[in-house]
Amino acid sequence: MDLRNLAVLVLDDNANTRTLIAEVLRGLGITKIYRAGACATGLSILKAHNIDLVLADIEMDGEDGLGFARLIRASPEPNISNLAIIIISSHATEARVIEAGALGANSFLSKPFTVAAFAKRLTDALAGRRMGVRPPEARAVPPAALAAKPQLLQIEL
């Protein structure tokens, strides 16, 4: 997958984390990287540029990356509402992962992350897959049954 022309928005209130994520993206060949430390700035960037992927931290100072994802999915503009979204958090509880999936996030990435895990979530999101999180009681589904839905990304905690 050629990532050179991909435009990515990194939304995180921590400047060091934004820099780290931008460096990982550069290492994967992505050069169009926009950074925002607040949701309002992120929305301005989405409206001003043709963004392909959003990486949004859940917990930001006084704001919420899940709320930002809700705004994206509710947008009347298809170029915004259909963006690939990866939610990032250092507090990856089962409830948060389920909520991110229910909001239409394409993937969830726990911090700290490896470059391999980051790249996997990125390619899944860009392939148009959406998260499908199964409740604990449904996890005994045979692998063959899961293979019947290739567009659904299963995440187990």
Protein backbone atom coordinates (compact mmCIF):
# COMPACT_ATOMS: atom_id res chain seq x y z
CA MET A 1 0.00 0.00 0.00
CA ASP A 2 1.47 3.34 -1.08
CA LEU A 3 1.11 5.81 1.77
CA ARG A 4 3.02 8.74 0.27
CA ASN A 5 -0.06 10.75 -0.74
CA LEU A 6 -2.02 10.04 2.41
CA ALA A 7 -3.05 13.06 4.52
CA VAL A 8 -3.29 12.35 8.25
CA LEU A 9 -4.58 14.42 11.16
CA VAL A 10 -3.04 13.64 14.55
CA LEU A 11 -5.26 14.91 17.38
CA ASP A 12 -3.66 14.76 20.82
CA ASP A 13 -3.28 17.39 23.51
CA ASN A 14 0.24 16.20 24.34
CA ALA A 15 2.82 17.79 22.01
CA ASN A 16 5.35 15.00 22.62
CA THR A 17 2.80 12.36 21.63
CA ARG A 18 1.88 14.30 18.49
CA THR A 19 5.58 14.43 17.58
CA LEU A 20 6.09 10.71 18.26
CA ILE A 21 3.09 9.73 16.14
CA ALA A 22 4.20 12.09 13.35
CA GLU A 23 7.66 10.48 13.36
CA VAL A 24 6.14 6.98 13.13
CA LEU A 25 3.97 8.18 10.22
CA ARG A 26 7.03 9.65 8.49
CA GLY A 27 8.84 6.35 9.00
CA LEU A 28 5.96 4.63 7.19
CA GLY A 29 6.35 7.05 4.25
CA ILE A 30 3.57 9.52 5.08
CA THR A 31 4.53 13.17 4.64
CA LYS A 32 1.21 15.07 4.77
CA ILE A 33 0.79 15.18 8.53
CA TYR A 34 -1.37 17.75 10.29
CA ARG A 35 -1.23 18.12 14.05
CA ALA A 36 -3.84 19.48 16.43
CA GLY A 37 -3.84 19.80 20.20
CA ALA A 38 -7.56 20.58 20.50
CA CYS A 39 -10.79 19.47 18.82
CA ALA A 40 -11.57 22.95 17.45
CA THR A 41 -8.21 23.05 15.68
CA GLY A 42 -8.80 19.53 14.39
CA LEU A 43 -12.17 20.52 12.93
CA SER A 44 -10.59 23.53 11.21
CA ILE A 45 -7.96 21.28 9.65
CA LEU A 46 -10.64 18.80 8.48
CA LYS A 47 -12.53 21.62 6.76
CA ALA A 48 -9.44 23.19 5.18
CA HIS A 49 -7.65 20.06 3.94
CA ASN A 50 -8.53 16.78 2.27
CA ILE A 51 -7.72 14.44 5.18
CA ASP A 52 -7.74 10.65 4.70
CA LEU A 53 -7.17 9.42 8.25
CA VAL A 54 -7.63 10.78 11.78
CA LEU A 55 -5.68 9.49 14.77
CA ALA A 56 -7.48 10.81 17.87
CA ASP A 57 -6.52 10.44 21.51
CA ILE A 58 -9.47 9.70 23.80
CA GLU A 59 -8.43 11.78 26.79
CA MET A 60 -7.42 15.33 26.11
CA ASP A 61 -7.40 18.23 28.52
CA GLY A 62 -11.08 19.09 28.85
CA GLU A 63 -11.97 17.35 25.58
CA ASP A 64 -12.72 13.90 24.29
CA GLY A 65 -11.44 12.14 21.17
CA LEU A 66 -14.56 9.97 21.11
CA GLY A 67 -16.65 13.13 20.91
CA PHE A 68 -14.47 14.23 18.00
CA ALA A 69 -15.13 10.90 16.29
CA ARG A 70 -18.88 11.45 16.83
CA LEU A 71 -18.60 14.86 15.13
CA ILE A 72 -16.79 13.29 12.18
CA ARG A 73 -19.37 10.53 11.70
CA ALA A 74 -22.27 13.03 12.04
CA SER A 75 -20.85 15.45 9.46
CA PRO A 76 -23.12 16.12 6.47
CA GLU A 77 -19.98 16.27 4.29
CA PRO A 78 -19.10 12.76 2.98
CA ASN A 79 -15.40 13.64 2.66
CA ILE A 80 -15.40 14.14 6.45
CA SER A 81 -18.00 11.60 7.64
CA ASN A 82 -16.31 8.75 5.76
CA LEU A 83 -12.78 9.38 7.05
CA ALA A 84 -10.85 6.49 8.51
CA ILE A 85 -10.55 6.95 12.30
CA ILE A 86 -8.13 5.32 14.71
CA ILE A 87 -8.79 6.00 18.38
CA ILE A 88 -5.68 6.04 20.57
CA SER A 89 -5.59 5.70 24.35
CA SER A 90 -3.30 4.77 27.20
CA HIS A 91 -6.42 3.68 29.10
CA ALA A 92 -7.83 0.98 26.84
CA THR A 93 -10.67 -0.43 28.87
CA GLU A 94 -13.12 -2.82 27.31
CA ALA A 95 -15.89 -0.22 27.63
CA ARG A 96 -13.85 2.39 25.73
CA VAL A 97 -12.98 -0.02 22.94
CA ILE A 98 -16.64 -1.00 22.60
CA GLU A 99 -17.70 2.66 22.58
CA ALA A 100 -15.13 3.50 19.89
CA GLY A 101 -16.42 0.63 17.75
CA ALA A 102 -20.03 1.70 18.26
CA LEU A 103 -19.14 5.23 17.12
CA GLY A 104 -17.75 3.85 13.89
CA ALA A 105 -14.02 4.00 14.59
CA ASN A 106 -12.02 1.86 12.21
CA SER A 107 -9.54 0.79 14.84
CA PHE A 108 -8.28 1.27 18.39
CA LEU A 109 -4.62 1.58 19.31
CA SER A 110 -3.40 1.25 22.88
CA LYS A 111 -0.46 3.31 24.12
CA PRO A 112 2.31 2.47 24.38
CA PHE A 113 2.31 0.88 20.94
CA THR A 114 4.82 -0.83 18.68
CA VAL A 115 5.43 0.36 15.14
CA ALA A 116 4.13 -3.02 13.91
CA ALA A 117 0.85 -2.61 15.83
CA PHE A 118 0.57 0.98 14.60
CA ALA A 119 1.10 -0.09 10.97
CA LYS A 120 -1.45 -2.91 11.30
CA ARG A 121 -4.13 -0.56 12.68
CA LEU A 122 -3.32 1.93 9.93
CA THR A 123 -3.69 -0.59 7.11
CA ASP A 124 -6.90 -2.00 8.63
CA ALA A 125 -8.38 1.49 8.88
CA LEU A 126 -7.40 2.41 5.33
CA ALA A 127 -8.88 -0.84 4.01
CA GLY A 128 -12.23 0.48 5.23
CA ARG A 129 -12.69 -2.03 7.98
CA ARG A 130 -14.71 -0.99 10.99
CA MET A 131 -14.22 -2.33 14.48
CA GLY A 132 -16.47 -5.14 15.63
CA VAL A 133 -16.11 -5.84 19.31
CA ARG A 134 -17.74 -8.98 20.61
CA PRO A 135 -18.99 -9.12 24.20
CA PRO A 136 -17.20 -11.72 26.37
CA GLU A 137 -20.06 -14.21 26.19
CA ALA A 138 -19.86 -14.29 22.39
CA ARG A 139 -16.13 -14.91 22.10
CA ALA A 140 -16.46 -18.65 21.72
CA VAL A 141 -17.47 -18.25 18.05
CA PRO A 142 -15.50 -20.65 15.83
CA PRO A 143 -12.83 -18.98 13.66
CA ALA A 144 -14.59 -20.20 10.50
CA ALA A 145 -17.67 -18.14 11.44
CA LEU A 146 -15.55 -15.02 11.81
CA ALA A 147 -13.91 -15.59 8.44
CA ALA A 148 -17.34 -15.27 6.78
CA LYS A 149 -17.23 -11.48 7.39
CA PRO A 150 -13.85 -10.34 6.02
CA GLN A 151 -14.69 -6.62 6.33
CA LEU A 152 -15.16 -6.81 10.12
CA LEU A 153 -12.11 -6.32 12.32
CA GLN A 154 -12.44 -8.28 15.57
CA ILE A 155 -10.70 -6.89 18.65
CA GLU A 156 -10.60 -8.94 21.82
CA LEU A 157 -9.46 -7.56 25.13
